Protein backbone atom coordinates (compact mmCIF):
# COMPACT_ATOMS: atom_id res chain seq x y z
CA MET A 1 -12.40 29.25 -0.34
CA THR A 2 -12.47 25.58 -1.29
CA GLN A 3 -12.68 22.97 1.43
CA SER A 4 -9.96 20.34 1.46
CA PRO A 5 -11.24 16.79 1.00
CA ASP A 6 -11.68 14.68 4.11
CA ILE A 7 -9.23 11.80 3.71
CA ASN A 8 -10.80 10.10 6.73
CA PHE A 9 -13.75 9.06 4.53
CA PHE A 10 -11.68 6.01 3.60
CA LYS A 11 -12.35 4.30 6.93
CA HIS A 12 -16.11 4.50 6.35
CA LEU A 13 -16.01 2.67 3.03
CA PRO A 14 -17.30 -0.92 2.88
CA TYR A 15 -14.42 -3.36 2.66
CA ASP A 16 -15.47 -4.66 -0.76
CA ILE A 17 -15.04 -1.11 -2.09
CA ILE A 18 -11.60 -0.86 -0.49
CA VAL A 19 -10.66 -4.15 -2.17
CA ARG A 20 -11.79 -2.77 -5.53
CA ILE A 21 -9.53 0.23 -4.99
CA ALA A 22 -6.49 -1.44 -3.44
CA GLY A 23 -6.81 -5.18 -4.12
CA PRO A 24 -4.34 -5.06 -7.04
CA PHE A 25 -1.78 -3.12 -4.95
CA ARG A 26 1.55 -4.82 -4.39
CA LEU A 27 3.45 -4.59 -1.12
CA LEU A 28 5.27 -1.31 -1.82
CA ASP A 29 2.03 0.34 -3.00
CA LEU A 30 0.24 -0.76 0.17
CA LYS A 31 3.03 0.51 2.38
CA ALA A 32 2.99 3.89 0.64
CA ALA A 33 -0.80 4.20 0.81
CA SER A 34 -0.80 3.20 4.49
CA LEU A 35 1.46 6.15 5.28
CA VAL A 36 -1.05 8.71 4.00
CA CYS A 37 -2.99 8.85 7.26
CA ARG A 38 -4.25 6.71 10.11
CA ALA A 39 -7.62 6.11 8.43
CA TRP A 40 -5.95 4.70 5.34
CA ARG A 41 -3.56 2.65 7.45
CA ASP A 42 -6.42 1.07 9.41
CA ALA A 43 -8.57 0.44 6.35
CA LEU A 44 -5.73 -1.27 4.46
CA LYS A 45 -4.69 -3.52 7.36
CA PRO A 46 -6.36 -6.70 5.95
CA LEU A 47 -4.58 -6.19 2.64
CA ARG A 48 -1.25 -5.74 4.39
CA GLU A 49 -1.98 -9.00 6.22
CA ALA A 50 -2.74 -10.58 2.84
CA MET A 51 0.73 -9.66 1.63
CA VAL A 52 2.22 -11.48 4.62
CA PHE A 53 0.47 -14.61 3.39
CA VAL A 54 1.68 -13.95 -0.17
CA GLU A 55 5.27 -13.79 1.02
CA ALA A 56 4.75 -16.92 3.14
CA GLY A 57 3.35 -18.74 0.11
CA LYS A 58 6.38 -17.84 -1.97
CA LYS A 59 8.70 -19.16 0.73
CA ARG A 60 6.77 -22.45 0.82
CA SER A 61 6.92 -22.99 -2.95
CA SER A 62 8.55 -26.40 -2.46
CA ASN A 63 5.38 -27.58 -0.70
CA LEU A 64 2.44 -26.84 -3.00
CA ASP A 65 -0.23 -27.61 -0.41
CA GLU A 66 1.25 -25.24 2.16
CA ALA A 67 1.86 -22.58 -0.48
CA LEU A 68 -1.72 -22.87 -1.72
CA GLU A 69 -3.06 -22.55 1.83
CA ALA A 70 -1.10 -19.34 2.34
CA PHE A 71 -2.15 -17.84 -0.99
CA LEU A 72 -5.81 -18.66 -0.35
CA GLU A 73 -5.59 -16.87 2.99
CA GLY A 74 -4.25 -13.83 1.17
CA ALA A 75 -6.93 -14.13 -1.51
CA ALA A 76 -9.65 -14.23 1.16
CA ARG A 77 -8.40 -10.85 2.40
CA GLY A 78 -8.70 -9.36 -1.08
CA SER A 79 -5.19 -9.51 -2.55
CA THR A 80 -5.38 -10.06 -6.31
CA GLN A 81 -1.73 -11.11 -6.32
CA ALA A 82 -2.64 -13.92 -3.91
CA MET A 83 -5.57 -14.90 -6.16
CA VAL A 84 -3.31 -15.23 -9.17
CA GLU A 85 -0.64 -17.13 -7.23
CA ALA A 86 -3.27 -19.54 -5.86
CA GLY A 87 -4.58 -20.10 -9.38
CA LEU A 88 -1.09 -20.97 -10.58
CA ILE A 89 -0.71 -23.48 -7.75
CA TYR A 90 -3.97 -25.17 -8.72
CA TYR A 91 -2.61 -25.56 -12.23
CA SER A 92 0.74 -26.86 -10.98
CA LYS A 93 -0.99 -29.47 -8.84
CA SER A 94 -3.35 -30.82 -11.51
CA LYS A 95 -1.46 -30.01 -14.76
CA LYS A 96 -4.80 -29.03 -16.29
CA ARG A 97 -7.22 -26.12 -16.10
CA THR A 98 -9.69 -26.30 -13.22
CA GLY A 99 -12.72 -24.29 -12.22
CA ALA A 100 -11.00 -23.21 -9.00
CA GLU A 101 -8.03 -21.83 -10.95
CA ILE A 102 -10.12 -19.93 -13.49
CA SER A 103 -12.49 -18.48 -10.86
CA LEU A 104 -9.49 -17.00 -9.04
CA TYR A 105 -8.15 -15.42 -12.24
CA ARG A 106 -11.61 -14.11 -13.03
CA ARG A 107 -11.97 -12.52 -9.59
CA ALA A 108 -8.52 -10.94 -9.88
CA SER A 109 -9.41 -9.67 -13.34
CA GLU A 110 -12.68 -8.16 -12.08
CA LEU A 111 -10.63 -6.22 -9.54
CA GLY A 112 -8.34 -4.91 -12.28
CA ASP A 113 -5.26 -7.11 -11.85
CA PRO A 114 -3.14 -7.22 -15.06
CA ASP A 115 -1.93 -10.77 -14.34
CA GLY A 116 -5.53 -11.83 -13.82
CA HIS A 117 -6.43 -10.38 -17.24
CA PHE A 118 -3.46 -12.09 -18.88
CA ASN A 119 -4.01 -15.50 -17.30
CA LEU A 120 -7.66 -15.44 -18.35
CA ALA A 121 -6.57 -14.55 -21.88
CA THR A 122 -4.16 -17.50 -21.86
CA PHE A 123 -6.98 -19.79 -20.71
CA TYR A 124 -9.17 -18.69 -23.63
CA LEU A 125 -6.31 -19.07 -26.13
CA GLU A 126 -5.57 -22.60 -24.91
CA ALA A 127 -9.22 -23.68 -24.88
CA ASN A 128 -10.38 -26.32 -27.36
CA PRO A 129 -11.49 -24.67 -29.56
CA PRO A 130 -9.73 -21.37 -28.72
CA ASN A 131 -11.95 -18.41 -27.86
CA THR A 132 -9.89 -15.75 -29.58
CA LYS A 133 -12.47 -12.99 -29.15
CA GLU A 134 -12.52 -13.32 -25.35
CA ALA A 135 -8.73 -13.76 -25.24
CA ILE A 136 -8.10 -10.54 -27.17
CA GLU A 137 -10.48 -8.63 -24.91
CA TYR A 138 -8.48 -9.63 -21.83
CA LEU A 139 -5.15 -9.07 -23.61
CA TYR A 140 -6.26 -5.50 -24.33
CA LYS A 141 -7.08 -4.99 -20.65
CA ALA A 142 -3.73 -6.37 -19.52
CA SER A 143 -1.85 -4.40 -22.17
CA ALA A 144 -3.50 -1.16 -21.08
CA SER A 145 -2.00 -1.78 -17.63
CA GLY A 146 1.47 -2.18 -19.13
CA HIS A 147 1.61 -5.99 -19.10
CA ALA A 148 4.52 -6.76 -21.45
CA CYS A 149 3.54 -10.39 -22.11
CA ALA A 150 0.05 -9.26 -23.14
CA GLN A 151 1.54 -6.64 -25.45
CA TYR A 152 3.77 -9.30 -27.02
CA GLN A 153 0.80 -11.63 -27.52
CA LEU A 154 -1.16 -8.84 -29.19
CA GLY A 155 1.82 -8.22 -31.45
CA LEU A 156 1.77 -11.89 -32.47
CA HIS A 157 -2.00 -11.79 -32.95
CA PHE A 158 -1.90 -8.87 -35.36
CA ASN A 159 1.11 -10.34 -37.17
CA GLN A 160 -0.69 -13.66 -37.73
CA ALA A 161 -4.18 -12.24 -38.35
CA ASN A 162 -5.95 -12.73 -41.67
CA PRO A 163 -5.24 -10.24 -43.08
CA PRO A 164 -2.20 -9.23 -40.98
CA ASN A 165 -2.04 -5.77 -39.43
CA PRO A 166 1.71 -5.01 -39.44
CA LYS A 167 1.40 -1.51 -37.97
CA GLU A 168 -0.58 -2.72 -34.96
CA SER A 169 1.79 -5.66 -34.58
CA PHE A 170 4.83 -3.38 -34.63
CA GLY A 171 3.25 -1.03 -32.09
CA TYR A 172 2.64 -3.78 -29.54
CA PHE A 173 6.06 -5.36 -30.08
CA TYR A 174 7.60 -1.94 -29.48
CA LYS A 175 5.66 -1.40 -26.23
CA ALA A 176 6.79 -4.77 -24.88
CA SER A 177 10.37 -4.30 -26.10
CA VAL A 178 11.04 -1.03 -24.32
CA VAL A 179 10.29 -2.68 -20.96
CA GLY A 180 12.62 -5.59 -21.68
CA HIS A 181 10.48 -8.39 -23.18
CA VAL A 182 13.14 -10.44 -25.00
CA GLU A 183 10.87 -12.22 -27.51
CA ALA A 184 9.30 -8.88 -28.43
CA GLN A 185 12.76 -7.35 -28.91
CA TYR A 186 13.62 -10.09 -31.39
CA GLN A 187 10.34 -9.59 -33.24
CA LEU A 188 10.93 -5.84 -33.28
CA GLY A 189 14.33 -6.48 -34.87
CA LEU A 190 12.58 -8.54 -37.56
CA CYS A 191 10.08 -5.72 -38.13
CA PHE A 192 12.89 -3.23 -38.77
CA HIS A 193 14.85 -5.79 -40.82
CA GLN A 194 11.90 -6.66 -43.08
CA GLY A 195 10.18 -3.27 -43.09
CA ARG A 196 7.13 -4.87 -41.49
CA GLY A 197 4.81 -2.20 -40.09
CA VAL A 198 7.64 0.34 -40.06
CA GLU A 199 10.18 1.72 -42.48
CA GLY A 200 13.05 -0.73 -42.81
CA CYS A 201 16.21 0.20 -40.92
CA LEU A 202 19.16 -2.17 -40.55
CA GLN A 203 20.67 -0.07 -37.77
CA GLU A 204 17.52 -0.41 -35.65
CA ALA A 205 17.21 -4.09 -36.57
CA ALA A 206 20.77 -4.76 -35.39
CA ARG A 207 20.20 -2.76 -32.21
CA TRP A 208 17.12 -4.75 -31.20
CA TYR A 209 18.66 -8.08 -32.21
CA GLU A 210 21.56 -7.32 -29.89
CA LYS A 211 19.24 -6.33 -27.03
CA ALA A 212 17.37 -9.63 -27.43
CA SER A 213 20.71 -11.45 -27.62
CA GLU A 214 21.77 -9.95 -24.32
CA GLY A 215 18.55 -11.41 -22.89
CA GLY A 216 19.48 -14.90 -24.11
CA HIS A 217 17.44 -15.18 -27.31
CA LYS A 218 19.03 -17.87 -29.52
CA ARG A 219 17.86 -16.62 -32.92
CA ALA A 220 18.73 -13.05 -31.99
CA MET A 221 22.29 -14.19 -31.15
CA VAL A 222 22.58 -15.75 -34.60
CA ASN A 223 21.24 -12.61 -36.28
CA THR A 224 23.53 -10.37 -34.22
CA CYS A 225 26.49 -12.52 -35.21
CA LEU A 226 25.57 -12.22 -38.90
CA CYS A 227 25.00 -8.45 -38.61
CA TYR A 228 28.59 -8.02 -37.40
CA LEU A 229 29.96 -10.54 -39.87
CA LEU A 230 28.25 -8.96 -42.90
CA ALA A 231 28.25 -5.32 -41.70
CA LYS A 232 24.44 -5.14 -41.69
CA GLY A 233 23.43 -2.14 -39.60
CA VAL A 234 26.71 -2.15 -37.63
CA PRO A 235 30.37 -1.74 -38.59
CA LYS A 236 31.93 -5.05 -39.62
CA SER A 237 33.61 -6.75 -36.68
CA THR A 238 34.89 -10.30 -36.89
CA ARG A 239 35.65 -10.15 -33.18
CA SER A 240 32.02 -9.34 -32.30
CA ALA A 241 30.80 -11.91 -34.81
CA ARG A 242 32.92 -14.60 -33.17
CA ILE A 243 31.79 -13.57 -29.66
CA TRP A 244 28.11 -13.86 -30.58
CA SER A 245 28.61 -17.06 -32.60
CA LEU A 246 30.32 -18.62 -29.57
CA LYS A 247 27.51 -17.51 -27.26
CA ALA A 248 24.91 -18.85 -29.69
CA THR A 249 26.74 -22.17 -30.00
CA ASN A 250 27.09 -22.61 -26.25
CA TYR A 251 23.44 -21.68 -25.73
CA MET A 252 22.19 -24.16 -28.34
CA VAL A 253 24.43 -27.01 -27.22
CA LYS A 254 23.53 -26.50 -23.57
CA ARG A 255 19.82 -26.62 -24.40
CA LYS A 256 20.26 -29.54 -26.82
CA CYS A 257 19.04 -27.59 -29.85
CA SER A 258 18.07 -29.93 -32.70
CA ASN A 259 19.09 -27.53 -35.47
CA ALA A 260 22.43 -29.15 -36.38
CA ARG A 261 22.98 -26.94 -39.45
CA LEU A 262 22.65 -23.76 -37.42
CA ILE A 263 25.03 -25.05 -34.75
CA LYS A 264 27.55 -26.03 -37.43
CA LEU A 265 27.36 -22.56 -39.01
CA MET A 266 27.97 -20.86 -35.67
CA GLN A 267 30.88 -23.21 -34.94
CA ARG A 268 32.45 -22.34 -38.29
CA ILE A 269 32.25 -18.61 -37.53
CA VAL A 270 33.96 -19.19 -34.19
CA ASP A 271 36.84 -20.96 -35.94
CA LYS A 272 39.51 -18.44 -37.00
CA ARG A 273 40.19 -20.48 -40.15
CA PHE A 274 36.76 -19.40 -41.42
CA TYR A 275 38.20 -15.93 -42.08
CA GLU A 276 41.25 -17.14 -43.95
CA ASN A 277 39.25 -18.44 -46.91
């Protein structure tokens, strides 16, 4: 007869070990873990307190000094979310990378936080000169945790590599796309459209262009409009073409897009007289 594990062992663990286990937990994870038993609830108390400071920091976002103070309190209790948020505040205050910011990302990364991995990768990519090798290492770590922005960046990396690796690029764009990353959805549409890393398929290209369009991607709106106008991957629909051309035009005008030719094309498609010629 096997003996059931003693879940009370948790309360005997050194706090630095508990932080390594639960530091990356978000509020809902902590609440769920704290319900397991009294020992877990007691051991995780400092991290629950850290989340109070995280929420306080978010509410004080209009006052960077107060927000930073709250996030640092949370970071001191072991919350990797607080570490990342404090790092972002340091950057917002100075508009340049600082040692304090990077050390917080590094600590969060050491504890397994996906945002910590990603922010470190961004630091290495933006360095002068860029440290691509270190950046890719941290992008891999973030991607393995399901970080969509990291997956998108890896997709771009493999697409722009010398030589390019279209299959790897497609794979990472797909991973990011299925969880709603709009830029990745547009790139995935291009992959299907151009047969880049995957067998070409206009139906799939049109589907992903439209998904990216629904997320507000300007170029995807233009491509979706043209797919409906030219019956590329979808049945021809002047109505749908006009809807997407209008959305694209409004989006570009509102954001003061400098591509006058593209705006003019979309405006022509909106105009019913375009279809009478």
